[in-house]
Structure formats: structure tokens, C-alpha cells
Amino acid sequence: MKKMCTWLLVFSMLLSLAACAGSGEQTTVSETTAATAGSSETKAAESQAGGTDYTQGESYSFIYAADCAEDTVQGLMINYFASQLNEKSGGRIKVQLHFSGSMGSDVECCESCQNGDITFYNSAVSTTSNFIDQVTAIDLPFMYSSVDVFRKVMDDDTVRSYFAEVYQDNGLHLLGFYDQGMRQLTSNVEVHEVADLKGLKIRVMDNAFHVSIWKALGANPTPMAMSEVYIGLQQGTIDAQENGVEVVYANKVYEQQKYMVMTNHLPSSMVLLMNQEIYNSLSETDQELIDLVGQDTIQYARQVCDERQDGRKALMAETGVQFIELDNAVLEEMKSMCETVYDDVRAQYGSDIVDMLMNAAKNAE
């Protein structure tokens, strides 16, 4: 009986093999190659759809340093970026976070990122203009009617490609631009028209371009570190300063100011960067991951900024801060007075960059 079962099993296997040969269902080298090609196409499609497996590869521990507090748009953005990178890489890419200037000022962190001593860095665009002249044009006054227009301009393919190349030439990989809303004037002097700005002692960033803007408006700008602003206002060294709502609140500037004048003269433009050499050393998959997380983080930062604006203004209003809306005619007059600033930028960096930004802003309206 056992022999009969064995012969029946062998006979059935021979029939199966013959059937396979007859129907051409054998697995050949060419079919294996086709299957592999199909798998590659699937992976490419999954990559475009966000389905790439980023958990495989080398492990890294990167350093992210910035001169900002954790409870700010920047701080929340940094934590989000690090957590997303860690999560999507399956824990193999870790980011050490350093806040509040623990690894240096904004300028020092920018230099450290260029040198590769730190991997990731974010700051005001104007800080990077200390090393990269062309980005100065991003902060041309009264070019963007709203923060939404600014964001559309920075996301414009031509604009982004131009500045990505500029940063790359200076050792930095651009992950994206974000903001902390539009910059506003806070003052102990009530401002309703341009004449009210005459001689106003206003703190500005230590940036010649920002100084020139307020000189053009008739004020008396004084470059000063942000850490000195509160005491400067308290002691009367300055009467005013200009910043985004988030920064005004985070630094408690409102405790020493009576008015917030909605000048909307500039976006509080920010940039997220990575050391270019370190980026180049990574696999294409890891480069793709960092770029994707960077783009996602930029959108997150913008959303958080928008969500916090009204709440911060409400909290400041409770302390007695009065908000002043300027007439459009006054804003147009201020813009006209800043034409000399545009002329200076054209003379120093060429008209092409100014025209590129102005055309993008016009299209974004």
C-alpha cells in the first residue's frame, strides 16, 4: 500500500511539471528581471506617494542649534522637525536640540552651520544676509501686502530655486522659508501718520539694510541686540522697536510699550537650513527624507504662527496695549519714502533679483 501511494505521488508531480512546461509558466531569468524591474517601479511610485521605507540605512546623530526659546514658533518648529525625522527614519536619525543661544548667537550658529559644526539651523533671513548679500532683497519694505503673499513668493519655483542656489554656494542647503507673521511697530509714542515717526528712537536689528529703511521713514534707528530691548525701553534709551507679534509677546516687550502700530512693513522672514556638505554625504533616500520633513515642517510652522497671532494680540490687549491700524494712504506714503532703499538694493545686487521678487509678489496677489 505504501509503495502504491509513493508511485501515485511521483506520477502526479510529473504531470504537474509537464503541465507547467506546456503552458510556459516556468520562472525564467527574464521573468525574474521583469519582476525586479516592476518592484523598482513600485518603489519609485511609492516614493512619490510618500510610501518609501525610510527606516533602512545608516544611523546618525545630528546637532540642531538656534538662538530661540522653546515656547515660540521657532522652538515648536524645531521640536516638530526633530520628532518627525526620528519617527519617519525608524529612530535611526536622531537630532540633538540646543535652544536659547546655548551654542552661540544667531550669527555664530549660522557660521557653525556653514562650517559643519552643527547640522541644522534656523534664524531670521536678515541674519544670513550678514554672510550672503543677495538674500537682503527678500526683506524689501512694503513689497508683500500680507504674510500669505510672502509665503507664495517664497514657494514660487523660480524664487526658491534662485535662493537655494545662493545658499548652496555658501555651504548651506535650503529646506525652506517660513515666518513669524508681519513685522509691526511697537511704541510709546502714538503713531497715525508718517510725521509721527520723525526722530522716533527705534531699535532695529544690527543690519545696515534695516537701519536704512527706518532712516528713509524719518526715524532714528538704533541697532541693538534683542536681549537688550526690554531694558532699553525701560530706561528710555529707545522709545520703540519693530518685530512680529510672536517675538513681541515672547520677549515681553508689550510690558514696556503702549501701542502696537500695524505697519506690516516687512514679513518676519525666517529660514531653515542644513550644512550642505553633510547633506551631500547622505544617501539619496536620506536626502529625500530630510527634504520632505523640511517641507512638512515649514507648513507646520506657518500654521502654528497663524494660530498664535490672534491669541497673542488678545493677551497683550488685556495688559493695556492699544492697536493702531494705519490708513492705506499712510502705508502708501511710507512705501513711497522707501523707494531709495529699492534703489540701493538694485545698485548693490542688480535689478534682476528685485524684479524677480516684485513680479512674484504681483502674481501672488
Protein backbone atom coordinates (compact mmCIF):
# COMPACT_ATOMS: atom_id res chain seq x y z
CA MET A 1 0.00 0.00 0.00
CA LYS A 2 2.82 2.37 0.89
CA LYS A 3 4.56 1.68 -2.44
CA MET A 4 1.35 2.42 -4.36
CA CYS A 5 0.93 5.78 -2.59
CA THR A 6 4.51 6.67 -3.33
CA TRP A 7 4.14 5.89 -7.05
CA LEU A 8 0.91 7.90 -7.23
CA LEU A 9 2.65 10.92 -5.63
CA VAL A 10 5.55 10.70 -8.08
CA PHE A 11 3.20 10.34 -11.04
CA SER A 12 1.17 13.42 -10.01
CA MET A 13 4.34 15.51 -9.65
CA LEU A 14 5.46 14.50 -13.15
CA LEU A 15 2.09 15.52 -14.54
CA SER A 16 2.35 18.92 -12.81
CA LEU A 17 5.81 19.55 -14.25
CA ALA A 18 4.66 18.59 -17.72
CA ALA A 19 1.69 20.91 -17.44
CA CYS A 20 3.92 23.79 -16.39
CA ALA A 21 6.26 23.16 -19.31
CA GLY A 22 3.38 23.02 -21.72
CA SER A 23 1.79 26.22 -20.52
CA GLY A 24 5.12 28.18 -20.33
CA GLU A 25 4.71 29.06 -16.63
CA GLN A 26 8.33 28.36 -15.76
CA THR A 27 10.22 31.03 -13.77
CA THR A 28 12.99 32.19 -16.08
CA VAL A 29 15.83 34.68 -15.74
CA SER A 30 13.94 37.18 -17.87
CA GLU A 31 10.85 36.87 -15.66
CA THR A 32 12.96 37.44 -12.56
CA THR A 33 14.43 40.57 -14.15
CA ALA A 34 10.93 41.77 -15.05
CA ALA A 35 9.74 41.17 -11.51
CA THR A 36 12.70 43.16 -10.15
CA ALA A 37 12.01 46.00 -12.60
CA GLY A 38 8.38 46.01 -11.52
CA SER A 39 9.47 46.23 -7.90
CA SER A 40 11.71 49.23 -8.69
CA GLU A 41 8.85 50.96 -10.47
CA THR A 42 6.61 50.28 -7.48
CA LYS A 43 9.21 51.71 -5.11
CA ALA A 44 9.56 54.82 -7.28
CA ALA A 45 5.80 55.26 -7.32
CA GLU A 46 5.60 54.69 -3.58
CA SER A 47 8.36 57.26 -3.06
CA GLN A 48 6.38 59.88 -4.97
CA ALA A 49 3.28 58.98 -2.99
CA GLY A 50 5.16 59.14 0.30
CA GLY A 51 5.31 55.35 0.65
CA THR A 52 9.10 54.95 0.74
CA ASP A 53 10.52 52.97 3.65
CA TYR A 54 12.97 55.39 5.28
CA THR A 55 13.74 53.14 8.24
CA GLN A 56 16.61 51.36 6.47
CA GLY A 57 20.11 52.81 6.30
CA GLU A 58 22.90 54.24 8.42
CA SER A 59 22.22 55.78 11.81
CA TYR A 60 23.04 59.42 12.50
CA SER A 61 23.07 61.84 15.40
CA PHE A 62 22.83 65.41 14.16
CA ILE A 63 23.03 68.74 16.01
CA TYR A 64 20.38 71.44 15.66
CA ALA A 65 21.14 74.79 17.31
CA ALA A 66 19.27 78.09 17.35
CA ASP A 67 19.05 81.26 19.41
CA CYS A 68 15.37 80.99 20.34
CA ALA A 69 13.23 79.78 23.24
CA GLU A 70 11.29 76.53 23.04
CA ASP A 71 7.89 78.16 23.56
CA THR A 72 7.95 80.13 20.32
CA VAL A 73 7.00 79.34 16.74
CA GLN A 74 10.67 78.58 16.10
CA GLY A 75 11.01 76.37 19.16
CA LEU A 76 7.88 74.39 18.36
CA MET A 77 9.04 74.04 14.77
CA ILE A 78 12.43 72.69 15.83
CA ASN A 79 10.87 70.07 18.09
CA TYR A 80 8.47 69.06 15.32
CA PHE A 81 11.27 68.72 12.77
CA ALA A 82 13.37 66.54 15.07
CA SER A 83 10.47 64.30 16.11
CA GLN A 84 9.30 63.78 12.52
CA LEU A 85 12.79 62.95 11.30
CA ASN A 86 13.25 60.47 14.13
CA GLU A 87 9.83 58.88 13.61
CA LYS A 88 10.00 58.53 9.82
CA SER A 89 13.54 57.13 9.94
CA GLY A 90 12.51 54.48 12.46
CA GLY A 91 14.70 56.07 15.11
CA ARG A 92 17.96 55.87 13.15
CA ILE A 93 18.21 59.66 12.63
CA LYS A 94 18.35 61.47 15.94
CA VAL A 95 18.69 65.23 16.39
CA GLN A 96 20.23 66.86 19.45
CA LEU A 97 18.46 70.15 20.14
CA HIS A 98 20.10 73.28 21.57
CA PHE A 99 17.91 76.32 22.29
CA SER A 100 18.27 79.88 23.57
CA GLY A 101 21.71 80.52 22.15
CA SER A 102 23.36 77.75 24.18
CA MET A 103 25.68 77.13 21.22
CA GLY A 104 26.04 80.78 20.24
CA SER A 105 24.13 83.73 18.85
CA ASP A 106 22.20 83.58 15.58
CA VAL A 107 25.24 84.85 13.69
CA GLU A 108 27.56 82.37 15.40
CA CYS A 109 25.15 79.47 14.75
CA CYS A 110 24.98 80.45 11.08
CA GLU A 111 28.77 80.32 10.86
CA SER A 112 28.81 76.98 12.69
CA CYS A 113 26.28 75.55 10.25
CA GLN A 114 28.35 76.72 7.29
CA ASN A 115 31.42 75.07 8.85
CA GLY A 116 29.59 71.83 9.64
CA ASP A 117 29.98 72.12 13.43
CA ILE A 118 26.18 71.96 13.63
CA THR A 119 23.91 70.27 11.09
CA PHE A 120 20.66 72.22 11.19
CA TYR A 121 19.97 75.87 11.93
CA ASN A 122 17.19 78.42 11.61
CA SER A 123 17.05 82.17 12.03
CA ALA A 124 15.80 85.40 10.55
CA VAL A 125 16.69 85.73 6.86
CA SER A 126 18.38 89.02 7.73
CA THR A 127 20.88 87.17 9.94
CA THR A 128 22.08 85.12 6.99
CA SER A 129 22.39 88.32 4.96
CA ASN A 130 25.46 89.10 7.05
CA PHE A 131 27.19 86.36 5.03
CA ILE A 132 25.05 86.12 1.90
CA ASP A 133 24.32 89.52 0.36
CA GLN A 134 21.62 88.53 -2.14
CA VAL A 135 19.10 87.40 0.49
CA THR A 136 18.89 91.02 1.67
CA ALA A 137 16.41 91.62 -1.15
CA ILE A 138 13.86 89.29 0.48
CA ASP A 139 13.26 91.96 3.12
CA LEU A 140 12.47 94.84 0.77
CA PRO A 141 9.94 97.03 2.62
CA PHE A 142 6.24 97.07 1.73
CA MET A 143 6.72 94.53 -1.08
CA TYR A 144 4.29 91.98 0.41
CA SER A 145 0.76 93.11 1.19
CA SER A 146 0.27 90.19 3.58
CA VAL A 147 2.02 87.19 5.03
CA ASP A 148 0.14 84.95 2.59
CA VAL A 149 1.65 86.85 -0.33
CA PHE A 150 5.11 86.48 1.20
CA ARG A 151 4.65 82.72 1.55
CA LYS A 152 3.51 82.35 -2.05
CA VAL A 153 6.54 84.31 -3.23
CA MET A 154 8.96 82.15 -1.23
CA ASP A 155 7.30 78.99 -2.58
CA ASP A 156 7.47 80.21 -6.17
CA ASP A 157 9.64 77.76 -8.14
CA THR A 158 11.83 80.46 -9.68
CA VAL A 159 12.35 82.30 -6.40
CA ARG A 160 13.04 79.18 -4.38
CA SER A 161 15.47 77.78 -6.97
CA TYR A 162 17.37 81.06 -7.07
CA PHE A 163 17.84 81.28 -3.30
CA ALA A 164 18.54 77.54 -2.97
CA GLU A 165 21.49 78.03 -5.31
CA VAL A 166 22.63 81.14 -3.45
CA TYR A 167 22.62 79.32 -0.11
CA GLN A 168 24.28 76.26 -1.66
CA ASP A 169 27.12 78.42 -2.97
CA ASN A 170 27.68 79.44 0.64
CA GLY A 171 27.73 75.94 2.14
CA LEU A 172 24.08 75.74 3.16
CA HIS A 173 21.21 73.56 1.93
CA LEU A 174 17.84 75.35 1.86
CA LEU A 175 14.97 73.44 3.47
CA GLY A 176 12.50 76.30 3.24
CA PHE A 177 11.28 79.73 4.27
CA TYR A 178 8.73 80.37 7.00
CA ASP A 179 7.81 83.40 9.08
CA GLN A 180 6.54 84.78 12.34
CA GLY A 181 3.89 86.95 10.73
CA MET A 182 4.35 90.50 9.51
CA ARG A 183 6.57 92.88 11.46
CA GLN A 184 4.82 95.67 13.36
CA LEU A 185 5.97 98.81 15.14
CA THR A 186 5.57 98.95 18.92
CA SER A 187 5.97 102.37 20.51
CA ASN A 188 5.37 104.59 23.50
CA VAL A 189 4.58 107.37 21.03
CA GLU A 190 1.21 107.27 19.30
CA VAL A 191 1.69 106.90 15.54
CA HIS A 192 -1.06 107.62 13.00
CA GLU A 193 0.86 109.25 10.16
CA VAL A 194 4.37 109.42 8.74
CA ALA A 195 5.14 112.69 10.53
CA ASP A 196 4.78 110.88 13.86
CA LEU A 197 7.83 108.77 13.00
CA LYS A 198 10.17 111.76 12.74
CA GLY A 199 13.06 111.35 15.18
CA LEU A 200 11.49 108.30 16.85
CA LYS A 201 14.17 106.35 18.70
CA ILE A 202 13.55 102.86 17.39
CA ARG A 203 15.52 99.68 17.98
CA VAL A 204 16.30 97.69 14.84
CA MET A 205 18.36 94.56 14.18
CA ASP A 206 22.09 95.00 13.75
CA ASN A 207 21.66 95.09 9.99
CA ALA A 208 22.54 98.05 7.77
CA PHE A 209 19.63 97.34 5.46
CA HIS A 210 17.06 97.55 8.27
CA VAL A 211 18.70 100.74 9.52
CA SER A 212 18.31 102.29 6.05
CA ILE A 213 14.57 101.51 5.99
CA TRP A 214 13.81 103.44 9.15
CA LYS A 215 16.11 106.29 8.23
CA ALA A 216 14.16 106.61 4.99
CA LEU A 217 10.99 106.87 7.08
CA GLY A 218 12.46 109.71 9.15
CA ALA A 219 13.02 107.74 12.37
CA ASN A 220 16.19 107.50 14.42
CA PRO A 221 17.11 103.77 14.25
CA THR A 222 19.46 102.22 16.80
CA PRO A 223 20.90 98.73 16.21
CA MET A 224 20.55 96.68 19.38
CA ALA A 225 20.56 93.03 20.41
CA MET A 226 17.10 91.69 21.19
CA SER A 227 18.26 90.71 24.67
CA GLU A 228 18.83 94.42 25.44
CA VAL A 229 15.49 95.73 24.14
CA TYR A 230 13.43 95.30 27.31
CA ILE A 231 15.93 97.24 29.44
CA GLY A 232 16.42 99.79 26.68
CA LEU A 233 12.69 100.55 26.66
CA GLN A 234 12.55 100.53 30.45
CA GLN A 235 15.39 103.05 30.73
CA GLY A 236 14.21 105.22 27.84
CA THR A 237 17.25 104.55 25.66
CA ILE A 238 14.74 103.71 22.92
CA ASP A 239 11.04 104.53 22.54
CA ALA A 240 10.09 101.89 20.02
CA GLN A 241 11.06 98.68 18.28
CA GLU A 242 9.73 96.57 15.41
CA ASN A 243 9.07 92.84 15.33
CA GLY A 244 6.50 90.16 14.69
CA VAL A 245 3.68 89.67 17.19
CA GLU A 246 5.17 86.36 18.36
CA VAL A 247 8.55 87.94 19.16
CA VAL A 248 6.95 90.92 20.92
CA TYR A 249 4.99 88.57 23.16
CA ALA A 250 7.78 86.05 23.80
CA ASN A 251 10.18 88.81 24.90
CA LYS A 252 7.50 90.64 26.97
CA VAL A 253 8.15 93.84 25.03
CA TYR A 254 4.46 94.70 25.49
CA GLU A 255 5.13 95.33 29.20
CA GLN A 256 7.13 98.42 28.22
CA GLN A 257 5.08 99.62 25.21
CA LYS A 258 1.74 101.41 24.96
CA TYR A 259 0.98 100.93 21.28
CA MET A 260 1.33 98.38 18.52
CA VAL A 261 1.10 100.12 15.16
CA MET A 262 0.11 97.74 12.37
CA THR A 263 2.67 98.87 9.80
CA ASN A 264 3.07 95.46 8.10
CA HIS A 265 6.27 96.89 6.65
CA LEU A 266 8.09 93.57 6.39
CA PRO A 267 7.44 89.88 6.92
CA SER A 268 9.25 88.45 9.90
CA SER A 269 11.03 86.22 7.40
CA MET A 270 12.78 83.10 8.65
CA VAL A 271 14.79 80.34 7.01
CA LEU A 272 15.52 76.67 7.81
CA LEU A 273 18.95 75.46 6.67
CA MET A 274 21.28 72.46 6.75
CA ASN A 275 25.01 72.14 6.22
CA GLN A 276 25.47 71.41 2.50
CA GLU A 277 28.47 69.08 2.87
CA ILE A 278 26.66 66.86 5.36
CA TYR A 279 23.60 66.82 3.11
CA ASN A 280 25.74 65.78 0.12
CA SER A 281 27.27 62.92 2.12
CA LEU A 282 23.87 61.26 2.69
CA SER A 283 22.20 58.67 0.51
CA GLU A 284 19.59 59.88 -1.98
CA THR A 285 16.89 58.30 0.18
CA ASP A 286 18.02 60.18 3.28
CA GLN A 287 18.31 63.42 1.31
CA GLU A 288 14.75 62.88 0.11
CA LEU A 289 13.58 62.21 3.67
CA ILE A 290 15.18 65.37 5.05
CA ASP A 291 13.74 67.48 2.22
CA LEU A 292 10.26 66.03 2.76
CA VAL A 293 10.38 66.53 6.52
CA GLY A 294 11.72 70.04 5.93
CA GLN A 295 8.80 70.92 3.63
CA ASP A 296 6.31 69.47 6.10
CA THR A 297 7.94 71.40 8.95
CA ILE A 298 7.68 74.68 7.03
CA GLN A 299 3.92 74.16 6.62
CA TYR A 300 3.64 73.27 10.30
CA ALA A 301 5.49 76.43 11.35
CA ARG A 302 3.23 78.61 9.21
CA GLN A 303 0.12 77.02 10.67
CA VAL A 304 1.33 77.43 14.26
CA CYS A 305 2.23 81.05 13.55
CA ASP A 306 -1.27 81.82 12.24
CA GLU A 307 -2.94 80.05 15.16
CA ARG A 308 -0.97 82.03 17.74
CA GLN A 309 -1.25 85.53 16.24
CA ASP A 310 -4.74 86.49 17.43
CA GLY A 311 -4.24 84.85 20.81
CA ARG A 312 -1.03 86.76 21.46
CA LYS A 313 -2.63 90.05 20.44
CA ALA A 314 -5.58 89.39 22.76
CA LEU A 315 -3.27 88.69 25.69
CA MET A 316 -1.35 91.92 25.03
CA ALA A 317 -4.59 93.89 24.76
CA GLU A 318 -5.51 92.65 28.23
CA THR A 319 -2.39 94.35 29.59
CA GLY A 320 -3.43 97.68 28.07
CA VAL A 321 -1.63 97.66 24.72
CA GLN A 322 -3.58 99.65 22.11
CA PHE A 323 -3.56 98.52 18.48
CA ILE A 324 -3.46 101.20 15.80
CA GLU A 325 -4.50 100.45 12.20
CA LEU A 326 -2.97 102.84 9.66
CA ASP A 327 -4.87 104.22 6.67
CA ASN A 328 -3.91 102.81 3.29
CA ALA A 329 -2.84 106.30 2.22
CA VAL A 330 -0.31 106.39 5.08
CA LEU A 331 1.06 102.96 4.18
CA GLU A 332 1.41 104.02 0.53
CA GLU A 333 3.29 107.14 1.63
CA MET A 334 5.65 105.01 3.71
CA LYS A 335 6.22 102.70 0.76
CA SER A 336 6.99 105.67 -1.47
CA MET A 337 9.53 107.00 1.05
CA CYS A 338 11.34 103.65 0.90
CA GLU A 339 12.00 103.87 -2.87
CA THR A 340 15.57 104.88 -2.06
CA VAL A 341 16.01 101.52 -0.32
CA TYR A 342 14.94 99.73 -3.52
CA ASP A 343 17.40 101.86 -5.49
CA ASP A 344 20.22 100.88 -3.13
CA VAL A 345 19.43 97.17 -3.45
CA ARG A 346 19.29 97.41 -7.24
CA ALA A 347 22.64 99.21 -7.25
CA GLN A 348 24.32 96.66 -4.97
CA TYR A 349 22.81 93.36 -6.13
CA GLY A 350 21.33 94.12 -9.54
CA SER A 351 17.80 94.76 -10.80
CA ASP A 352 17.15 91.13 -11.76
CA ILE A 353 16.70 89.91 -8.20
CA VAL A 354 14.44 92.84 -7.29
CA ASP A 355 12.32 92.38 -10.42
CA MET A 356 12.06 88.63 -9.78
CA LEU A 357 10.66 89.21 -6.30
CA MET A 358 8.37 92.06 -7.33
CA ASN A 359 6.91 90.03 -10.21
CA ALA A 360 6.36 87.04 -7.94
CA ALA A 361 4.65 89.29 -5.38
CA LYS A 362 2.42 90.78 -8.06
CA ASN A 363 1.42 87.31 -9.26
CA ALA A 364 0.73 86.21 -5.69
CA GLU A 365 -1.83 88.95 -5.03
